[in-house]
Amino acid sequence: MLNLGAQTVIYPKRGIMFYQLLLVFSKILKAIAYFAMFEILKRFQTVSILLILKLSFDFISTSKAFFNWTGHSEIRMVSDC
């Protein structure tokens, strides 16, 4: 349940679990893509420190946003109606 002032939104348990699974899957795909890009750049020896910093910052910020979303105290699992 998410409290939005006067209105309350009830999320079905299955929907939240599917959304969390989708988020985790997208993070895994993004990490694989970054790793592949890093390996390709490393092979051609054109890796710059700015690119590495950007990739690591992007990955950390998306991971942090994901954990902040899943740890939010306002979201509660409820049974399907």
Protein backbone atom coordinates (compact mmCIF):
# COMPACT_ATOMS: atom_id res chain seq x y z
CA MET A 1 0.00 0.00 0.00
CA LEU A 2 1.34 3.41 -0.89
CA ASN A 3 -0.08 6.44 0.87
CA LEU A 4 -0.39 9.41 -1.48
CA GLY A 5 -2.03 11.97 0.76
CA ALA A 6 -5.80 11.48 0.52
CA GLN A 7 -5.72 8.43 -1.72
CA THR A 8 -4.27 5.00 -1.00
CA VAL A 9 -2.99 2.75 -3.77
CA ILE A 10 -2.91 -1.01 -3.17
CA TYR A 11 -0.34 -2.93 -5.18
CA PRO A 12 -0.95 -6.63 -5.81
CA LYS A 13 1.82 -8.85 -4.44
CA ARG A 14 2.41 -10.55 -7.79
CA GLY A 15 2.79 -7.22 -9.60
CA ILE A 16 5.45 -5.93 -7.21
CA MET A 17 7.37 -9.20 -7.34
CA PHE A 18 7.29 -9.16 -11.15
CA TYR A 19 8.45 -5.53 -11.21
CA GLN A 20 11.31 -6.29 -8.79
CA LEU A 21 12.34 -9.27 -10.91
CA LEU A 22 12.26 -7.08 -14.02
CA LEU A 23 14.45 -4.45 -12.32
CA VAL A 24 17.00 -7.06 -11.22
CA PHE A 25 17.06 -8.59 -14.71
CA SER A 26 17.61 -5.17 -16.32
CA LYS A 27 20.48 -4.43 -13.89
CA ILE A 28 22.11 -7.77 -14.77
CA LEU A 29 21.80 -7.03 -18.49
CA LYS A 30 23.23 -3.54 -17.97
CA ALA A 31 26.19 -4.96 -16.02
CA ILE A 32 26.86 -7.51 -18.78
CA ALA A 33 26.72 -4.76 -21.41
CA TYR A 34 29.15 -2.59 -19.41
CA PHE A 35 31.51 -5.53 -18.95
CA ALA A 36 31.41 -6.33 -22.68
CA MET A 37 32.04 -2.69 -23.60
CA PHE A 38 34.91 -2.51 -21.11
CA GLU A 39 36.48 -5.69 -22.55
CA ILE A 40 36.17 -4.39 -26.12
CA LEU A 41 37.76 -1.07 -25.16
CA LYS A 42 40.48 -2.84 -23.18
CA ARG A 43 41.30 -5.00 -26.18
CA PHE A 44 41.88 -1.88 -28.29
CA GLN A 45 43.69 -0.22 -25.34
CA THR A 46 41.61 2.95 -25.51
CA VAL A 47 40.17 2.84 -22.00
CA SER A 48 40.17 6.24 -20.40
CA ILE A 49 39.82 6.92 -16.69
CA LEU A 50 36.79 9.15 -17.37
CA LEU A 51 34.91 6.31 -19.04
CA ILE A 52 35.64 3.95 -16.15
CA LEU A 53 34.51 6.56 -13.63
CA LYS A 54 31.31 7.23 -15.58
CA LEU A 55 30.45 3.55 -15.83
CA SER A 56 31.12 2.87 -12.16
CA PHE A 57 29.17 5.97 -11.06
CA ASP A 58 26.23 5.03 -13.29
CA PHE A 59 26.16 1.47 -11.94
CA ILE A 60 26.41 2.63 -8.32
CA SER A 61 23.67 5.24 -8.74
CA THR A 62 21.24 2.78 -10.36
CA SER A 63 21.96 0.15 -7.70
CA LYS A 64 21.46 2.72 -4.95
CA ALA A 65 18.15 3.85 -6.45
CA PHE A 66 16.99 0.23 -6.69
CA PHE A 67 17.82 -0.54 -3.06
CA ASN A 68 16.21 2.71 -1.90
CA TRP A 69 13.04 1.76 -3.79
CA THR A 70 12.86 -1.79 -2.41
CA GLY A 71 13.65 -0.65 1.13
CA HIS A 72 10.98 2.05 1.16
CA SER A 73 8.87 1.80 4.30
CA GLU A 74 5.63 2.97 2.65
CA ILE A 75 5.37 -0.02 0.30
CA ARG A 76 3.76 -3.10 1.84
CA MET A 77 3.00 -6.42 0.22
CA VAL A 78 -0.68 -7.39 0.14
CA SER A 79 -2.48 -10.47 -1.14
CA ASP A 80 -4.13 -10.48 -4.53
CA CYS A 81 -7.83 -9.67 -4.40
